N, C-alpha and C. Protein backbone atom coordinates (compact mmCIF):
# COMPACT_ATOMS: atom_id res chain seq x y z
N MET A 1 -26.57 1.40 -5.14
CA MET A 1 -25.24 0.88 -4.85
C MET A 1 -24.23 2.01 -5.01
N SER A 2 -23.33 2.13 -4.05
CA SER A 2 -22.35 3.20 -4.10
C SER A 2 -21.15 2.80 -4.94
N ASP A 3 -20.45 3.81 -5.43
CA ASP A 3 -19.27 3.61 -6.25
C ASP A 3 -18.16 3.00 -5.38
N PRO A 4 -17.57 1.86 -5.79
CA PRO A 4 -16.51 1.24 -4.99
C PRO A 4 -15.18 1.99 -5.07
N TRP A 5 -15.03 2.92 -6.02
CA TRP A 5 -13.78 3.67 -6.17
C TRP A 5 -13.80 4.89 -5.26
N VAL A 6 -12.79 5.00 -4.42
CA VAL A 6 -12.69 6.09 -3.45
C VAL A 6 -11.41 6.87 -3.71
N LYS A 7 -11.54 8.19 -3.83
CA LYS A 7 -10.34 9.01 -3.97
C LYS A 7 -9.66 9.08 -2.60
N VAL A 8 -8.37 8.71 -2.56
CA VAL A 8 -7.66 8.66 -1.29
C VAL A 8 -6.52 9.68 -1.19
N ALA A 9 -6.10 10.24 -2.33
CA ALA A 9 -4.99 11.19 -2.30
C ALA A 9 -4.90 11.93 -3.62
N ASP A 10 -4.21 13.05 -3.58
CA ASP A 10 -3.84 13.74 -4.81
C ASP A 10 -2.59 13.07 -5.36
N ARG A 11 -2.36 13.19 -6.64
CA ARG A 11 -1.23 12.51 -7.26
C ARG A 11 0.10 12.92 -6.65
N GLU A 12 0.25 14.19 -6.33
CA GLU A 12 1.53 14.67 -5.79
C GLU A 12 1.77 14.26 -4.33
N ASP A 13 0.76 13.70 -3.68
CA ASP A 13 0.91 13.28 -2.29
C ASP A 13 1.78 12.03 -2.13
N CYS A 14 1.93 11.26 -3.22
CA CYS A 14 2.70 10.01 -3.14
C CYS A 14 3.68 9.95 -4.32
N PRO A 15 4.81 10.67 -4.19
CA PRO A 15 5.80 10.69 -5.28
C PRO A 15 6.55 9.36 -5.39
N PRO A 16 7.24 9.13 -6.50
CA PRO A 16 8.00 7.89 -6.67
C PRO A 16 8.95 7.63 -5.51
N GLY A 17 9.00 6.35 -5.10
CA GLY A 17 9.89 5.94 -4.02
C GLY A 17 9.34 6.17 -2.63
N ARG A 18 8.07 6.55 -2.54
CA ARG A 18 7.50 6.88 -1.23
C ARG A 18 6.29 6.03 -0.90
N LEU A 19 6.00 5.96 0.41
CA LEU A 19 4.79 5.32 0.93
C LEU A 19 3.88 6.40 1.49
N LEU A 20 2.57 6.13 1.47
CA LEU A 20 1.61 7.09 2.02
C LEU A 20 0.47 6.33 2.67
N ALA A 21 0.21 6.63 3.94
CA ALA A 21 -0.92 6.04 4.66
C ALA A 21 -2.19 6.79 4.28
N VAL A 22 -3.23 6.04 3.91
CA VAL A 22 -4.53 6.62 3.58
C VAL A 22 -5.62 5.74 4.17
N GLU A 23 -6.84 6.22 4.09
CA GLU A 23 -7.99 5.44 4.55
C GLU A 23 -9.08 5.51 3.51
N ALA A 24 -9.74 4.38 3.28
CA ALA A 24 -10.85 4.32 2.34
C ALA A 24 -11.92 3.42 2.92
N ALA A 25 -13.11 3.95 3.07
CA ALA A 25 -14.24 3.18 3.61
C ALA A 25 -13.88 2.49 4.92
N GLY A 26 -13.13 3.19 5.78
CA GLY A 26 -12.76 2.66 7.07
C GLY A 26 -11.60 1.68 7.07
N GLU A 27 -10.99 1.45 5.92
CA GLU A 27 -9.87 0.51 5.83
C GLU A 27 -8.55 1.27 5.73
N ALA A 28 -7.58 0.86 6.54
CA ALA A 28 -6.24 1.45 6.51
C ALA A 28 -5.47 0.85 5.34
N ILE A 29 -4.97 1.73 4.48
CA ILE A 29 -4.29 1.32 3.25
C ILE A 29 -2.98 2.09 3.14
N VAL A 30 -1.96 1.44 2.60
CA VAL A 30 -0.71 2.12 2.30
C VAL A 30 -0.53 2.15 0.79
N LEU A 31 -0.26 3.34 0.27
CA LEU A 31 0.06 3.50 -1.14
C LEU A 31 1.57 3.41 -1.29
N ALA A 32 2.02 2.74 -2.33
CA ALA A 32 3.45 2.61 -2.61
C ALA A 32 3.67 3.02 -4.07
N ASN A 33 4.50 4.04 -4.27
CA ASN A 33 4.78 4.51 -5.62
C ASN A 33 6.12 3.92 -6.05
N VAL A 34 6.05 2.92 -6.93
CA VAL A 34 7.23 2.24 -7.43
C VAL A 34 7.50 2.74 -8.85
N ASP A 35 8.49 3.59 -8.99
CA ASP A 35 8.89 4.12 -10.31
C ASP A 35 7.72 4.73 -11.08
N GLY A 36 6.82 5.42 -10.38
CA GLY A 36 5.70 6.09 -11.03
C GLY A 36 4.42 5.29 -11.08
N SER A 37 4.46 4.02 -10.73
CA SER A 37 3.26 3.19 -10.66
C SER A 37 2.84 3.07 -9.20
N VAL A 38 1.56 3.37 -8.93
CA VAL A 38 1.07 3.36 -7.55
C VAL A 38 0.33 2.06 -7.27
N TYR A 39 0.67 1.44 -6.14
CA TYR A 39 0.05 0.21 -5.68
C TYR A 39 -0.57 0.48 -4.31
N ALA A 40 -1.59 -0.30 -3.96
CA ALA A 40 -2.28 -0.13 -2.69
C ALA A 40 -2.34 -1.47 -1.96
N LEU A 41 -1.89 -1.45 -0.71
CA LEU A 41 -1.87 -2.65 0.12
C LEU A 41 -2.51 -2.35 1.48
N GLU A 42 -2.93 -3.41 2.11
CA GLU A 42 -3.40 -3.34 3.50
C GLU A 42 -2.27 -2.74 4.34
N ASP A 43 -2.60 -1.78 5.18
CA ASP A 43 -1.57 -1.09 5.96
C ASP A 43 -1.33 -1.78 7.31
N GLN A 44 -1.08 -3.07 7.25
CA GLN A 44 -0.73 -3.81 8.45
C GLN A 44 0.12 -5.01 8.08
N CYS A 45 1.25 -5.13 8.72
CA CYS A 45 2.13 -6.27 8.50
C CYS A 45 1.39 -7.55 8.87
N SER A 46 1.56 -8.60 8.08
CA SER A 46 0.89 -9.87 8.37
C SER A 46 1.61 -10.64 9.48
N HIS A 47 2.77 -10.19 9.86
CA HIS A 47 3.54 -10.84 10.92
C HIS A 47 3.26 -10.24 12.30
N ALA A 48 3.04 -8.94 12.35
CA ALA A 48 2.83 -8.25 13.63
C ALA A 48 1.87 -7.09 13.43
N ASP A 49 1.30 -6.63 14.50
CA ASP A 49 0.37 -5.50 14.45
C ASP A 49 1.18 -4.20 14.32
N PHE A 50 1.58 -3.89 13.09
CA PHE A 50 2.41 -2.72 12.83
C PHE A 50 2.06 -2.18 11.45
N ALA A 51 1.95 -0.87 11.34
CA ALA A 51 1.58 -0.23 10.07
C ALA A 51 2.74 -0.28 9.07
N LEU A 52 2.48 -0.83 7.90
CA LEU A 52 3.50 -0.86 6.85
C LEU A 52 3.85 0.54 6.37
N SER A 53 2.93 1.48 6.51
CA SER A 53 3.20 2.86 6.09
C SER A 53 4.30 3.50 6.93
N GLN A 54 4.62 2.90 8.07
CA GLN A 54 5.72 3.39 8.91
C GLN A 54 7.07 2.85 8.44
N GLY A 55 7.02 1.99 7.43
CA GLY A 55 8.22 1.36 6.91
C GLY A 55 8.84 2.13 5.77
N GLU A 56 9.50 1.39 4.90
CA GLU A 56 10.21 1.98 3.76
C GLU A 56 9.89 1.22 2.49
N LEU A 57 10.01 1.91 1.38
CA LEU A 57 9.88 1.28 0.07
C LEU A 57 11.30 0.99 -0.42
N VAL A 58 11.60 -0.29 -0.60
CA VAL A 58 12.93 -0.72 -1.03
C VAL A 58 12.75 -1.39 -2.39
N GLY A 59 13.10 -0.67 -3.44
CA GLY A 59 12.83 -1.19 -4.78
C GLY A 59 11.34 -1.34 -4.95
N GLY A 60 10.90 -2.55 -5.25
CA GLY A 60 9.47 -2.82 -5.40
C GLY A 60 8.86 -3.50 -4.20
N GLU A 61 9.52 -3.38 -3.04
CA GLU A 61 9.04 -4.04 -1.84
C GLU A 61 8.80 -3.05 -0.71
N VAL A 62 7.75 -3.32 0.07
CA VAL A 62 7.46 -2.52 1.26
C VAL A 62 8.07 -3.26 2.44
N GLU A 63 8.94 -2.57 3.16
CA GLU A 63 9.61 -3.19 4.30
C GLU A 63 8.98 -2.70 5.61
N CYS A 64 8.60 -3.64 6.44
CA CYS A 64 8.10 -3.35 7.78
C CYS A 64 9.32 -3.10 8.66
N THR A 65 9.38 -1.93 9.27
CA THR A 65 10.57 -1.60 10.06
C THR A 65 10.58 -2.25 11.44
N LEU A 66 9.48 -2.89 11.83
CA LEU A 66 9.44 -3.53 13.14
C LEU A 66 10.38 -4.73 13.21
N HIS A 67 10.27 -5.64 12.23
CA HIS A 67 11.11 -6.85 12.23
C HIS A 67 11.81 -7.09 10.89
N GLY A 68 11.64 -6.20 9.92
CA GLY A 68 12.32 -6.36 8.63
C GLY A 68 11.61 -7.19 7.59
N ALA A 69 10.37 -7.60 7.87
CA ALA A 69 9.61 -8.35 6.86
C ALA A 69 9.40 -7.47 5.64
N ARG A 70 9.31 -8.11 4.48
CA ARG A 70 9.07 -7.36 3.24
C ARG A 70 7.93 -7.99 2.46
N PHE A 71 7.25 -7.12 1.67
CA PHE A 71 6.11 -7.54 0.86
C PHE A 71 6.24 -6.93 -0.52
N ASP A 72 5.93 -7.73 -1.54
CA ASP A 72 5.92 -7.24 -2.91
C ASP A 72 4.82 -6.19 -3.03
N ALA A 73 5.17 -4.99 -3.47
CA ALA A 73 4.20 -3.90 -3.53
C ALA A 73 3.07 -4.17 -4.50
N CYS A 74 3.31 -4.95 -5.54
CA CYS A 74 2.31 -5.23 -6.56
C CYS A 74 1.36 -6.35 -6.15
N THR A 75 1.89 -7.42 -5.57
CA THR A 75 1.08 -8.60 -5.28
C THR A 75 0.74 -8.79 -3.80
N GLY A 76 1.47 -8.09 -2.91
CA GLY A 76 1.27 -8.27 -1.48
C GLY A 76 1.95 -9.51 -0.92
N ARG A 77 2.61 -10.28 -1.77
CA ARG A 77 3.27 -11.52 -1.35
C ARG A 77 4.42 -11.22 -0.39
N ALA A 78 4.51 -12.00 0.70
CA ALA A 78 5.62 -11.87 1.64
C ALA A 78 6.89 -12.33 0.94
N THR A 79 7.93 -11.49 0.97
CA THR A 79 9.17 -11.82 0.28
C THR A 79 10.35 -12.01 1.23
N ARG A 80 10.15 -11.67 2.50
CA ARG A 80 11.24 -11.83 3.46
C ARG A 80 10.68 -12.13 4.84
N LEU A 81 11.30 -13.08 5.51
CA LEU A 81 10.90 -13.44 6.87
C LEU A 81 11.13 -12.26 7.80
N PRO A 82 10.38 -12.18 8.88
CA PRO A 82 9.57 -13.24 9.48
C PRO A 82 8.16 -13.37 8.91
N ALA A 83 7.74 -12.52 8.00
CA ALA A 83 6.40 -12.65 7.43
C ALA A 83 6.34 -13.83 6.47
N ILE A 84 5.25 -14.59 6.54
CA ILE A 84 5.05 -15.70 5.61
C ILE A 84 3.71 -15.58 4.88
N ARG A 85 2.80 -14.75 5.41
CA ARG A 85 1.49 -14.55 4.79
C ARG A 85 1.47 -13.24 4.02
N LYS A 86 0.80 -13.24 2.89
CA LYS A 86 0.68 -12.03 2.08
C LYS A 86 -0.26 -11.04 2.77
N VAL A 87 -0.21 -9.80 2.32
CA VAL A 87 -1.15 -8.79 2.77
C VAL A 87 -2.12 -8.51 1.62
N ARG A 88 -3.29 -8.03 1.96
CA ARG A 88 -4.31 -7.75 0.96
C ARG A 88 -3.86 -6.61 0.05
N VAL A 89 -4.17 -6.75 -1.23
CA VAL A 89 -3.91 -5.67 -2.19
C VAL A 89 -5.24 -5.15 -2.70
N TYR A 90 -5.23 -3.92 -3.13
CA TYR A 90 -6.43 -3.26 -3.64
C TYR A 90 -6.16 -2.79 -5.07
N ASP A 91 -7.20 -2.78 -5.88
CA ASP A 91 -7.08 -2.18 -7.20
C ASP A 91 -6.89 -0.68 -7.00
N VAL A 92 -6.03 -0.09 -7.80
CA VAL A 92 -5.75 1.34 -7.67
C VAL A 92 -5.70 1.96 -9.07
N GLU A 93 -6.19 3.17 -9.17
CA GLU A 93 -6.14 3.92 -10.43
C GLU A 93 -5.59 5.30 -10.14
N THR A 94 -4.64 5.73 -10.98
CA THR A 94 -4.16 7.10 -10.92
C THR A 94 -4.87 7.86 -12.03
N ARG A 95 -5.70 8.78 -11.62
CA ARG A 95 -6.47 9.59 -12.57
C ARG A 95 -5.95 11.01 -12.57
N ALA A 96 -6.43 11.82 -13.49
CA ALA A 96 -5.99 13.21 -13.58
C ALA A 96 -6.23 13.97 -12.29
N ASP A 97 -7.31 13.64 -11.59
CA ASP A 97 -7.65 14.40 -10.37
C ASP A 97 -7.22 13.70 -9.09
N GLY A 98 -6.51 12.57 -9.16
CA GLY A 98 -6.02 11.95 -7.93
C GLY A 98 -5.84 10.45 -8.03
N ILE A 99 -5.59 9.85 -6.86
CA ILE A 99 -5.38 8.41 -6.74
C ILE A 99 -6.62 7.80 -6.12
N TYR A 100 -7.15 6.77 -6.78
CA TYR A 100 -8.38 6.12 -6.35
C TYR A 100 -8.10 4.65 -6.01
N VAL A 101 -8.76 4.16 -4.97
CA VAL A 101 -8.65 2.77 -4.56
C VAL A 101 -10.03 2.16 -4.60
N LYS A 102 -10.11 0.92 -5.08
CA LYS A 102 -11.39 0.21 -5.14
C LYS A 102 -11.59 -0.59 -3.85
N VAL A 103 -12.61 -0.22 -3.11
CA VAL A 103 -12.91 -0.89 -1.84
C VAL A 103 -14.29 -1.50 -1.93
N GLU A 104 -14.35 -2.83 -1.83
CA GLU A 104 -15.63 -3.53 -1.91
C GLU A 104 -15.87 -4.36 -0.68
C-alpha cells in the first residue's frame, strides 16, 4: 500500500494570503494559506467548471472570480451564492520539508 501523503509544494511556495494550484495523485487541488495555516480544497468551483486557484483568498474564504461564489477555506462549505454545494477538502500537513496533502 502506498503512502497517502503526497508532497505538493515547498513551504515558501504558498505564503500567507495566497492561493496555489497543485496536483496530487491526478487530483487538482488549491492550497489556501490563511494567516499561516494551509488548507487544501478541490480546485473546482461547485457552481461552474472554473478553477478556484484562479480566484482570490478573501479572509478565510476562497472566492471564485467567475461568478463571485465563495467557499470556507477550512471546511469547503459554500458561503456565498451562486454556489450552494461545498467543495471537497483534503487533510494537509505543513512539515519542515514542505506541504503535504493526503489523497486516498
